[in-house]
C-alpha atoms as a PDB file:
ATOM      1  CA  MET A   1     -52.370 -29.148  28.065  1.00  0.00           C
ATOM      2  CA  PRO A   2     -50.491 -25.967  27.550  1.00  0.00           C
ATOM      3  CA  LYS A   3     -47.999 -24.949  30.447  1.00  0.00           C
ATOM      4  CA  THR A   4     -49.165 -21.672  32.068  1.00  0.00           C
ATOM      5  CA  PHE A   5     -46.566 -19.155  33.364  1.00  0.00           C
ATOM      6  CA  GLU A   6     -46.949 -16.880  36.107  1.00  0.00           C
ATOM      7  CA  PRO A   7     -45.669 -13.325  35.733  1.00  0.00           C
ATOM      8  CA  LEU A   8     -42.658 -12.436  37.910  1.00  0.00           C
ATOM      9  CA  PRO A   9     -42.549  -9.678  40.312  1.00  0.00           C
ATOM     10  CA  ILE A  10     -41.739  -6.160  38.933  1.00  0.00           C
ATOM     11  CA  LEU A  11     -39.432  -3.959  40.744  1.00  0.00           C
ATOM     12  CA  LYS A  12     -38.984  -0.264  40.268  1.00  0.00           C
ATOM     13  CA  LEU A  13     -35.281   0.965  39.547  1.00  0.00           C
ATOM     14  CA  SER A  14     -34.030   2.509  42.553  1.00  0.00           C
ATOM     15  CA  GLU A  15     -31.953   5.798  42.167  1.00  0.00           C
ATOM     16  CA  GLN A  16     -28.871   3.829  44.026  1.00  0.00           C
ATOM     17  CA  ASN A  17     -28.167   1.615  40.953  1.00  0.00           C
ATOM     18  CA  THR A  18     -25.101   0.669  39.103  1.00  0.00           C
ATOM     19  CA  TYR A  19     -24.752  -2.083  36.318  1.00  0.00           C
ATOM     20  CA  THR A  20     -22.229  -4.937  36.044  1.00  0.00           C
ATOM     21  CA  HIS A  21     -18.943  -4.317  34.585  1.00  0.00           C
ATOM     22  CA  PRO A  22     -16.755  -6.847  33.191  1.00  0.00           C
ATOM     23  CA  PRO A  23     -13.513  -7.241  35.145  1.00  0.00           C
ATOM     24  CA  LEU A  24     -11.076  -4.696  34.318  1.00  0.00           C
ATOM     25  CA  GLY A  25      -7.138  -5.285  34.735  1.00  0.00           C
ATOM     26  CA  PRO A  26      -5.038  -2.789  36.863  1.00  0.00           C
ATOM     27  CA  GLU A  27      -4.218   0.409  35.025  1.00  0.00           C
ATOM     28  CA  LEU A  28      -0.711   0.281  35.852  1.00  0.00           C
ATOM     29  CA  VAL A  29       1.268  -2.913  35.573  1.00  0.00           C
ATOM     30  CA  TYR A  30       4.952  -4.004  36.835  1.00  0.00           C
ATOM     31  CA  ILE A  31       6.963  -6.330  34.742  1.00  0.00           C
ATOM     32  CA  THR A  32       6.567  -8.933  37.600  1.00  0.00           C
ATOM     33  CA  ASP A  33       3.131  -8.689  37.546  1.00  0.00           C
ATOM     34  CA  PRO A  34       0.983 -11.779  36.384  1.00  0.00           C
ATOM     35  CA  ALA A  35       0.608 -12.056  32.720  1.00  0.00           C
ATOM     36  CA  VAL A  36      -2.878 -12.540  33.089  1.00  0.00           C
ATOM     37  CA  ASP A  37      -3.421  -8.935  34.095  1.00  0.00           C
ATOM     38  CA  VAL A  38      -2.672  -7.740  30.827  1.00  0.00           C
ATOM     39  CA  ILE A  39      -4.235 -10.177  28.034  1.00  0.00           C
ATOM     40  CA  ILE A  40      -7.631  -9.425  26.496  1.00  0.00           C
ATOM     41  CA  ASN A  41      -9.485 -12.186  28.067  1.00  0.00           C
ATOM     42  CA  PHE A  42     -12.324 -13.220  25.851  1.00  0.00           C
ATOM     43  CA  SER A  43     -14.041 -14.446  28.711  1.00  0.00           C
ATOM     44  CA  HIS A  44     -14.695 -11.292  29.999  1.00  0.00           C
ATOM     45  CA  VAL A  45     -14.827  -9.131  26.620  1.00  0.00           C
ATOM     46  CA  LYS A  46     -16.291  -9.946  23.547  1.00  0.00           C
ATOM     47  CA  PRO A  47     -13.827 -10.137  20.924  1.00  0.00           C
ATOM     48  CA  LEU A  48     -14.052  -7.985  17.905  1.00  0.00           C
ATOM     49  CA  ILE A  49     -14.630 -10.315  14.777  1.00  0.00           C
ATOM     50  CA  THR A  50     -14.819  -9.708  11.074  1.00  0.00           C
ATOM     51  CA  THR A  51     -14.967 -12.296   8.077  1.00  0.00           C
ATOM     52  CA  PRO A  52     -12.797 -12.710   5.339  1.00  0.00           C
ATOM     53  CA  THR A  53     -15.335 -11.313   2.793  1.00  0.00           C
ATOM     54  CA  HIS A  54     -15.866  -8.016   4.813  1.00  0.00           C
ATOM     55  CA  THR A  55     -14.156  -5.141   2.957  1.00  0.00           C
ATOM     56  CA  ILE A  56     -10.802  -3.496   4.872  1.00  0.00           C
ATOM     57  CA  ASP A  57     -13.123  -0.385   5.221  1.00  0.00           C
ATOM     58  CA  GLN A  58     -15.788  -2.253   6.979  1.00  0.00           C
ATOM     59  CA  ALA A  59     -13.203  -3.442   9.109  1.00  0.00           C
ATOM     60  CA  ASN A  60     -11.728  -0.206   9.911  1.00  0.00           C
ATOM     61  CA  VAL A  61     -15.036   1.333  10.765  1.00  0.00           C
ATOM     62  CA  ASP A  62     -15.668  -1.664  13.167  1.00  0.00           C
ATOM     63  CA  MET A  63     -12.081  -1.011  14.954  1.00  0.00           C
ATOM     64  CA  LYS A  64     -12.612   2.632  15.131  1.00  0.00           C
ATOM     65  CA  PHE A  65     -15.990   2.057  16.581  1.00  0.00           C
ATOM     66  CA  SER A  66     -14.608  -0.161  19.315  1.00  0.00           C
ATOM     67  CA  GLY A  67     -11.509   1.468  19.970  1.00  0.00           C
ATOM     68  CA  THR A  68      -9.349  -1.592  19.151  1.00  0.00           C
ATOM     69  CA  HIS A  69      -6.461  -2.295  16.814  1.00  0.00           C
ATOM     70  CA  ILE A  70      -6.966  -5.935  16.271  1.00  0.00           C
ATOM     71  CA  MET A  71      -9.976  -7.997  15.019  1.00  0.00           C
ATOM     72  CA  LEU A  72     -10.258 -11.906  14.853  1.00  0.00           C
ATOM     73  CA  VAL A  73     -11.157 -13.218  11.324  1.00  0.00           C
ATOM     74  CA  VAL A  74     -13.705 -15.782  11.710  1.00  0.00           C
ATOM     75  CA  GLU A  75     -15.329 -18.241   9.144  1.00  0.00           C
ATOM     76  CA  ASP A  76     -18.000 -20.974  10.251  1.00  0.00           C
ATOM     77  CA  GLU A  77     -16.810 -20.390  13.864  1.00  0.00           C
ATOM     78  CA  THR A  78     -13.174 -20.931  13.133  1.00  0.00           C
ATOM     79  CA  VAL A  79     -10.495 -18.269  13.604  1.00  0.00           C
ATOM     80  CA  VAL A  80      -9.044 -18.175  10.015  1.00  0.00           C
ATOM     81  CA  GLY A  81      -6.738 -15.259  10.597  1.00  0.00           C
ATOM     82  CA  VAL A  82      -6.228 -11.571  12.327  1.00  0.00           C
ATOM     83  CA  VAL A  83      -6.331  -8.520  10.994  1.00  0.00           C
ATOM     84  CA  SER A  84      -4.653  -5.316  12.583  1.00  0.00           C
ATOM     85  CA  SER A  85      -5.210  -1.695  12.011  1.00  0.00           C
ATOM     86  CA  GLU A  86      -1.563  -1.738  10.394  1.00  0.00           C
ATOM     87  CA  ASP A  87      -2.810  -4.196   7.959  1.00  0.00           C
ATOM     88  CA  ILE A  88      -5.750  -2.103   6.916  1.00  0.00           C
ATOM     89  CA  LEU A  89      -4.021   1.377   7.159  1.00  0.00           C
ATOM     90  CA  GLY A  90      -0.319   0.557   6.197  1.00  0.00           C
ATOM     91  CA  GLU A  91       1.316  -0.320   2.746  1.00  0.00           C
ATOM     92  CA  LYS A  92      -0.406  -3.700   1.951  1.00  0.00           C
ATOM     93  CA  PRO A  93      -3.840  -2.050   0.499  1.00  0.00           C
ATOM     94  CA  MET A  94      -1.985   0.219  -1.529  1.00  0.00           C
ATOM     95  CA  HIS A  95       0.077  -2.576  -3.183  1.00  0.00           C
ATOM     96  CA  ILE A  96      -2.847  -4.840  -3.550  1.00  0.00           C
ATOM     97  CA  ALA A  97      -4.951  -1.844  -5.209  1.00  0.00           C
ATOM     98  CA  GLN A  98      -2.139  -1.128  -7.601  1.00  0.00           C
ATOM     99  CA  GLU A  99      -1.363  -5.079  -8.293  1.00  0.00           C
ATOM    100  CA  ARG A 100      -4.954  -6.148  -8.836  1.00  0.00           C
ATOM    101  CA  ARG A 101      -6.139  -2.649 -10.312  1.00  0.00           C
ATOM    102  CA  ILE A 102      -9.032  -2.230  -7.880  1.00  0.00           C
ATOM    103  CA  ARG A 103     -10.037   0.453  -5.960  1.00  0.00           C
ATOM    104  CA  ARG A 104      -9.368   0.344  -2.387  1.00  0.00           C
ATOM    105  CA  ASP A 105     -12.947   0.133  -1.098  1.00  0.00           C
ATOM    106  CA  GLU A 106     -13.093  -3.178  -2.912  1.00  0.00           C
ATOM    107  CA  ILE A 107     -10.210  -4.642  -0.971  1.00  0.00           C
ATOM    108  CA  LEU A 108     -11.301  -7.602   1.250  1.00  0.00           C
ATOM    109  CA  VAL A 109     -10.167  -8.583   4.631  1.00  0.00           C
ATOM    110  CA  SER A 110      -8.846 -11.917   3.064  1.00  0.00           C
ATOM    111  CA  ALA A 111      -6.306  -9.860   1.231  1.00  0.00           C
ATOM    112  CA  VAL A 112      -4.468  -7.984   4.142  1.00  0.00           C
ATOM    113  CA  MET A 113      -4.944 -10.490   7.209  1.00  0.00           C
ATOM    114  CA  THR A 114      -2.367 -12.418   8.555  1.00  0.00           C
ATOM    115  CA  PRO A 115      -3.777 -16.061   7.917  1.00  0.00           C
ATOM    116  CA  GLN A 116      -3.927 -18.767  10.484  1.00  0.00           C
ATOM    117  CA  HIS A 117      -0.828 -20.589   9.590  1.00  0.00           C
ATOM    118  CA  GLU A 118       1.142 -17.288  10.286  1.00  0.00           C
ATOM    119  CA  LEU A 119      -0.422 -16.463  13.619  1.00  0.00           C
ATOM    120  CA  MET A 120       1.617 -16.892  16.832  1.00  0.00           C
ATOM    121  CA  ALA A 121      -0.193 -18.358  19.861  1.00  0.00           C
ATOM    122  CA  ILE A 122       0.873 -18.827  23.464  1.00  0.00           C
ATOM    123  CA  ASP A 123      -0.867 -21.850  25.413  1.00  0.00           C
ATOM    124  CA  TYR A 124      -3.357 -20.270  28.182  1.00  0.00           C
ATOM    125  CA  LYS A 125      -1.653 -22.849  30.695  1.00  0.00           C
ATOM    126  CA  ASP A 126       1.730 -21.221  30.301  1.00  0.00           C
ATOM    127  CA  VAL A 127       0.397 -17.841  30.441  1.00  0.00           C
ATOM    128  CA  LYS A 128      -1.360 -18.481  34.000  1.00  0.00           C
ATOM    129  CA  TYR A 129       1.807 -18.905  35.604  1.00  0.00           C
ATOM    130  CA  ALA A 130       3.939 -16.337  33.690  1.00  0.00           C
ATOM    131  CA  LYS A 131       4.693 -12.861  34.530  1.00  0.00           C
ATOM    132  CA  VAL A 132       4.270  -9.732  32.117  1.00  0.00           C
ATOM    133  CA  GLY A 133       8.100  -9.753  31.510  1.00  0.00           C
ATOM    134  CA  HIS A 134       7.629 -13.296  30.182  1.00  0.00           C
ATOM    135  CA  LEU A 135       5.025 -12.070  27.284  1.00  0.00           C
ATOM    136  CA  LEU A 136       7.156  -8.995  26.487  1.00  0.00           C
ATOM    137  CA  THR A 137      10.262 -11.113  26.059  1.00  0.00           C
ATOM    138  CA  THR A 138       8.339 -13.891  23.845  1.00  0.00           C
ATOM    139  CA  LEU A 139       6.854 -10.842  21.691  1.00  0.00           C
ATOM    140  CA  THR A 140      10.121  -9.037  21.400  1.00  0.00           C
ATOM    141  CA  GLU A 141      12.359 -11.920  20.644  1.00  0.00           C
ATOM    142  CA  ASN A 142       9.614 -13.320  18.178  1.00  0.00           C
ATOM    143  CA  LYS A 143       9.310  -9.709  16.330  1.00  0.00           C
ATOM    144  CA  GLN A 144       5.485  -9.868  16.991  1.00  0.00           C
ATOM    145  CA  HIS A 145       3.325  -7.221  18.322  1.00  0.00           C
ATOM    146  CA  TYR A 146       0.424  -9.600  19.359  1.00  0.00           C
ATOM    147  CA  ALA A 147      -0.217 -13.125  20.053  1.00  0.00           C
ATOM    148  CA  LEU A 148      -3.395 -15.388  20.362  1.00  0.00           C
ATOM    149  CA  ILE A 149      -3.874 -17.029  23.831  1.00  0.00           C
ATOM    150  CA  VAL A 150      -5.260 -20.598  23.244  1.00  0.00           C
ATOM    151  CA  ASP A 151      -6.704 -23.292  25.134  1.00  0.00           C
ATOM    152  CA  THR A 152      -5.727 -26.714  23.927  1.00  0.00           C
ATOM    153  CA  GLU A 153      -7.847 -29.701  24.471  1.00  0.00           C
ATOM    154  CA  GLU A 154      -5.974 -32.446  26.081  1.00  0.00           C
ATOM    155  CA  ASN A 155      -5.057 -35.368  23.489  1.00  0.00           C
ATOM    156  CA  SER A 156      -6.434 -33.294  20.730  1.00  0.00           C
ATOM    157  CA  THR A 157      -5.415 -30.657  18.462  1.00  0.00           C
ATOM    158  CA  MET A 158      -8.384 -28.703  19.128  1.00  0.00           C
ATOM    159  CA  GLN A 159      -7.997 -25.158  20.565  1.00  0.00           C
ATOM    160  CA  THR A 160     -10.197 -22.533  21.873  1.00  0.00           C
ATOM    161  CA  VAL A 161      -8.894 -18.768  21.236  1.00  0.00           C
ATOM    162  CA  HIS A 162      -9.125 -17.744  24.851  1.00  0.00           C
ATOM    163  CA  GLY A 163      -7.771 -14.024  24.137  1.00  0.00           C
ATOM    164  CA  LEU A 164      -4.873 -12.135  22.835  1.00  0.00           C
ATOM    165  CA  VAL A 165      -1.943  -9.874  24.020  1.00  0.00           C
ATOM    166  CA  TYR A 166      -0.970  -6.724  22.542  1.00  0.00           C
ATOM    167  CA  ILE A 167       2.308  -5.406  22.880  1.00  0.00           C
ATOM    168  CA  TYR A 168       0.970  -1.707  23.043  1.00  0.00           C
ATOM    169  CA  ASP A 169      -1.558  -2.166  25.347  1.00  0.00           C
ATOM    170  CA  ILE A 170       1.507  -3.725  27.566  1.00  0.00           C
ATOM    171  CA  ILE A 171       3.593  -0.481  27.110  1.00  0.00           C
ATOM    172  CA  LYS A 172       0.660   1.750  27.635  1.00  0.00           C
ATOM    173  CA  ARG A 173       0.259   0.500  31.213  1.00  0.00           C
ATOM    174  CA  LEU A 174       3.806  -0.547  32.108  1.00  0.00           C
ATOM    175  CA  ASP A 175       5.464   1.296  34.923  1.00  0.00           C
ATOM    176  CA  ASN A 176       9.132   2.073  33.782  1.00  0.00           C
ATOM    177  CA  ASP A 177      10.313  -1.293  33.712  1.00  0.00           C
ATOM    178  CA  LEU A 178      10.692  -1.442  29.976  1.00  0.00           C
ATOM    179  CA  PRO A 179      13.436  -2.640  28.039  1.00  0.00           C
ATOM    180  CA  THR A 180      15.472   0.159  26.458  1.00  0.00           C
ATOM    181  CA  GLU A 181      14.618  -0.538  22.690  1.00  0.00           C
ATOM    182  CA  LEU A 182      10.876  -0.343  23.638  1.00  0.00           C
ATOM    183  CA  LYS A 183      11.203   2.587  25.760  1.00  0.00           C
ATOM    184  CA  GLU A 184      12.283   4.441  22.866  1.00  0.00           C
ATOM    185  CA  ALA A 185       9.122   3.754  20.986  1.00  0.00           C
ATOM    186  CA  ARG A 186       6.790   6.896  21.442  1.00  0.00           C
ATOM    187  CA  SER A 187       3.985   5.861  19.027  1.00  0.00           C
ATOM    188  CA  LEU A 188       2.499   2.303  17.771  1.00  0.00           C
ATOM    189  CA  LEU A 189       4.291   2.993  14.460  1.00  0.00           C
ATOM    190  CA  GLU A 190       7.654   3.444  15.991  1.00  0.00           C
ATOM    191  CA  LEU A 191       7.071   0.074  18.222  1.00  0.00           C
ATOM    192  CA  GLN A 192       6.246  -1.805  15.075  1.00  0.00           C
ATOM    193  CA  LYS A 193       9.373  -0.414  13.455  1.00  0.00           C
ATOM    194  CA  LYS A 194      11.644  -1.791  16.469  1.00  0.00           C
ATOM    195  CA  LEU A 195      10.042  -5.328  16.106  1.00  0.00           C
ATOM    196  CA  ARG A 196      10.714  -5.547  12.388  1.00  0.00           C
END
């Protein structure tokens, strides 16, 4: 016998309404604040993803539309790399186009992304008890402008990418607690040069 379903009660939308927002971290942070305040947490914010077979022009449009500078590169539910606006807009595409004698609009994300084995990751268990200063030190000492935050299953090598931390996001939100070399960077490009 087929199941029957009763209709749900209908409401009118009140003039006094709002909508649910994902939790946002504080706009201004201090170096001694919890590190979790500055990570992009994929439990609250859907990650921007692309595939290795998308073109860099497609990825660039997606980044501009979402207002982010970093995308996960995913294949079959596995993070196989990360592509940043620097990868897409920097010198890499020009060199690839010249070497392979192809047009820029033919370059795939796989050609410019940072592959999985070169990505820096930090365990979420460590981030939960760390301060913003710990993240800044980790990124600057490793000369990285971002790192993935991962959950590692006990007694396993299986990891879940929980989020990411992006040094430029931290710097934009930090009070005046910046290390001297980072204070002098006035743009993303200057910051990237200082981290090389």
